[in-house]
Amino acid sequence: MWGAEPSFRFWSCLNVASAALAFALPLSGEGRALILALGVLVLAAEGLNTGVEAAVDRSGMERDPLAKYAKDAASAGVALTAIAAGLAWVILIIDLF
């Protein structure tokens, strides 16, 4: 996916930055584990989204409402996991102060 998916590269780079920040800040071990685990989940969701999009595209090029639904649902999965990771960061940062 690294070579073909710009969104996967984006999330990967963001995860590297997030992990570095998690170790640079005085977070608890549990907080760091949460950040790292959620980052991996975002990458997993992006992988599943890529798979759904490839399967839908392979099945046919005609417009199909179910195909659009599948792609939108898979993209929403990525968005929701990213929101969960962002919320974890917000809560951990607030807890520092």
C-alpha atoms as a PDB file:
ATOM      1  CA  MET A   1       0.000   0.000   0.000  1.00  0.00           C
ATOM      2  CA  TRP A   2       2.912   2.337   0.650  1.00  0.00           C
ATOM      3  CA  GLY A   3       3.690   2.716  -3.048  1.00  0.00           C
ATOM      4  CA  ALA A   4       0.136   2.985  -4.350  1.00  0.00           C
ATOM      5  CA  GLU A   5      -1.872   4.748  -1.653  1.00  0.00           C
ATOM      6  CA  PRO A   6      -1.099   8.372  -0.763  1.00  0.00           C
ATOM      7  CA  SER A   7      -3.550   8.212   2.147  1.00  0.00           C
ATOM      8  CA  PHE A   8      -1.666   5.263   3.644  1.00  0.00           C
ATOM      9  CA  ARG A   9       1.598   7.216   3.391  1.00  0.00           C
ATOM     10  CA  PHE A  10      -0.105  10.210   5.019  1.00  0.00           C
ATOM     11  CA  TRP A  11      -1.401   8.147   7.959  1.00  0.00           C
ATOM     12  CA  SER A  12       1.942   6.358   8.296  1.00  0.00           C
ATOM     13  CA  CYS A  13       3.859   9.630   8.495  1.00  0.00           C
ATOM     14  CA  LEU A  14       1.319  11.031  10.931  1.00  0.00           C
ATOM     15  CA  ASN A  15       1.744   7.904  13.068  1.00  0.00           C
ATOM     16  CA  VAL A  16       5.512   8.300  13.155  1.00  0.00           C
ATOM     17  CA  ALA A  17       5.077  11.902  14.310  1.00  0.00           C
ATOM     18  CA  SER A  18       2.421  10.852  16.815  1.00  0.00           C
ATOM     19  CA  ALA A  19       4.624   8.098  18.250  1.00  0.00           C
ATOM     20  CA  ALA A  20       7.571  10.474  18.552  1.00  0.00           C
ATOM     21  CA  LEU A  21       5.391  12.997  20.363  1.00  0.00           C
ATOM     22  CA  ALA A  22       3.983  10.283  22.634  1.00  0.00           C
ATOM     23  CA  PHE A  23       7.518   9.412  23.746  1.00  0.00           C
ATOM     24  CA  ALA A  24       8.648  13.041  23.978  1.00  0.00           C
ATOM     25  CA  LEU A  25       5.813  14.078  26.294  1.00  0.00           C
ATOM     26  CA  PRO A  26       5.540  12.902  29.897  1.00  0.00           C
ATOM     27  CA  LEU A  27       2.676  10.498  29.190  1.00  0.00           C
ATOM     28  CA  SER A  28       1.965   7.384  31.207  1.00  0.00           C
ATOM     29  CA  GLY A  29       2.803   4.005  29.786  1.00  0.00           C
ATOM     30  CA  GLU A  30      -0.902   3.405  29.290  1.00  0.00           C
ATOM     31  CA  GLY A  31      -1.267   6.690  27.435  1.00  0.00           C
ATOM     32  CA  ARG A  32       1.606   5.842  25.113  1.00  0.00           C
ATOM     33  CA  ALA A  33       0.183   2.372  24.509  1.00  0.00           C
ATOM     34  CA  LEU A  34      -3.207   3.868  23.683  1.00  0.00           C
ATOM     35  CA  ILE A  35      -1.708   6.316  21.193  1.00  0.00           C
ATOM     36  CA  LEU A  36       0.396   3.633  19.506  1.00  0.00           C
ATOM     37  CA  ALA A  37      -2.477   1.129  19.366  1.00  0.00           C
ATOM     38  CA  LEU A  38      -4.907   3.658  17.927  1.00  0.00           C
ATOM     39  CA  GLY A  39      -2.331   4.650  15.324  1.00  0.00           C
ATOM     40  CA  VAL A  40      -2.035   1.020  14.232  1.00  0.00           C
ATOM     41  CA  LEU A  41      -5.839   0.781  14.110  1.00  0.00           C
ATOM     42  CA  VAL A  42      -5.998   3.803  11.795  1.00  0.00           C
ATOM     43  CA  LEU A  43      -3.524   2.069   9.477  1.00  0.00           C
ATOM     44  CA  ALA A  44      -5.553  -1.148   9.649  1.00  0.00           C
ATOM     45  CA  ALA A  45      -8.740   0.748   8.813  1.00  0.00           C
ATOM     46  CA  GLU A  46      -6.984   2.399   5.883  1.00  0.00           C
ATOM     47  CA  GLY A  47      -5.869  -1.030   4.664  1.00  0.00           C
ATOM     48  CA  LEU A  48      -9.430  -2.340   4.852  1.00  0.00           C
ATOM     49  CA  ASN A  49     -10.689   0.770   3.071  1.00  0.00           C
ATOM     50  CA  THR A  50      -8.143   0.209   0.303  1.00  0.00           C
ATOM     51  CA  GLY A  51      -9.249  -3.400  -0.013  1.00  0.00           C
ATOM     52  CA  VAL A  52     -12.936  -2.491  -0.224  1.00  0.00           C
ATOM     53  CA  GLU A  53     -12.250   0.166  -2.847  1.00  0.00           C
ATOM     54  CA  ALA A  54     -10.151  -2.233  -4.933  1.00  0.00           C
ATOM     55  CA  ALA A  55     -12.783  -4.971  -4.744  1.00  0.00           C
ATOM     56  CA  VAL A  56     -15.595  -2.585  -5.678  1.00  0.00           C
ATOM     57  CA  ASP A  57     -13.593  -1.126  -8.558  1.00  0.00           C
ATOM     58  CA  ARG A  58     -12.706  -4.624  -9.783  1.00  0.00           C
ATOM     59  CA  SER A  59     -16.323  -5.774  -9.739  1.00  0.00           C
ATOM     60  CA  GLY A  60     -17.414  -3.259 -12.359  1.00  0.00           C
ATOM     61  CA  MET A  61     -17.118   0.280 -13.556  1.00  0.00           C
ATOM     62  CA  GLU A  62     -20.848   1.043 -13.831  1.00  0.00           C
ATOM     63  CA  ARG A  63     -22.462   3.268 -11.239  1.00  0.00           C
ATOM     64  CA  ASP A  64     -24.014   1.240  -8.447  1.00  0.00           C
ATOM     65  CA  PRO A  65     -25.530   2.660  -5.255  1.00  0.00           C
ATOM     66  CA  LEU A  66     -24.292  -0.342  -3.260  1.00  0.00           C
ATOM     67  CA  ALA A  67     -20.754   0.182  -4.521  1.00  0.00           C
ATOM     68  CA  LYS A  68     -20.890   3.821  -3.413  1.00  0.00           C
ATOM     69  CA  TYR A  69     -22.314   2.739  -0.070  1.00  0.00           C
ATOM     70  CA  ALA A  70     -19.495   0.220   0.459  1.00  0.00           C
ATOM     71  CA  LYS A  71     -16.816   2.780  -0.368  1.00  0.00           C
ATOM     72  CA  ASP A  72     -18.419   5.442   1.819  1.00  0.00           C
ATOM     73  CA  ALA A  73     -18.791   3.029   4.740  1.00  0.00           C
ATOM     74  CA  ALA A  74     -15.150   1.943   4.475  1.00  0.00           C
ATOM     75  CA  SER A  75     -14.016   5.574   4.359  1.00  0.00           C
ATOM     76  CA  ALA A  76     -16.169   6.338   7.393  1.00  0.00           C
ATOM     77  CA  GLY A  77     -14.364   3.539   9.232  1.00  0.00           C
ATOM     78  CA  VAL A  78     -11.060   5.297   8.630  1.00  0.00           C
ATOM     79  CA  ALA A  79     -12.519   8.615   9.716  1.00  0.00           C
ATOM     80  CA  LEU A  80     -13.957   7.164  12.923  1.00  0.00           C
ATOM     81  CA  THR A  81     -10.708   5.491  13.933  1.00  0.00           C
ATOM     82  CA  ALA A  82      -8.838   8.725  13.211  1.00  0.00           C
ATOM     83  CA  ILE A  83     -11.344  10.650  15.345  1.00  0.00           C
ATOM     84  CA  ALA A  84     -10.826   8.136  18.169  1.00  0.00           C
ATOM     85  CA  ALA A  85      -7.064   8.664  17.953  1.00  0.00           C
ATOM     86  CA  GLY A  86      -7.522  12.425  17.937  1.00  0.00           C
ATOM     87  CA  LEU A  87      -9.827  12.303  20.955  1.00  0.00           C
ATOM     88  CA  ALA A  88      -7.307  10.191  22.832  1.00  0.00           C
ATOM     89  CA  TRP A  89      -4.651  12.811  22.122  1.00  0.00           C
ATOM     90  CA  VAL A  90      -6.926  15.630  23.294  1.00  0.00           C
ATOM     91  CA  ILE A  91      -7.750  13.821  26.526  1.00  0.00           C
ATOM     92  CA  LEU A  92      -4.115  12.945  27.219  1.00  0.00           C
ATOM     93  CA  ILE A  93      -2.957  16.529  26.550  1.00  0.00           C
ATOM     94  CA  ILE A  94      -5.682  17.962  28.793  1.00  0.00           C
ATOM     95  CA  ASP A  95      -4.636  15.485  31.496  1.00  0.00           C
ATOM     96  CA  LEU A  96      -1.077  16.866  31.359  1.00  0.00           C
ATOM     97  CA  PHE A  97      -2.266  20.305  32.467  1.00  0.00           C
END
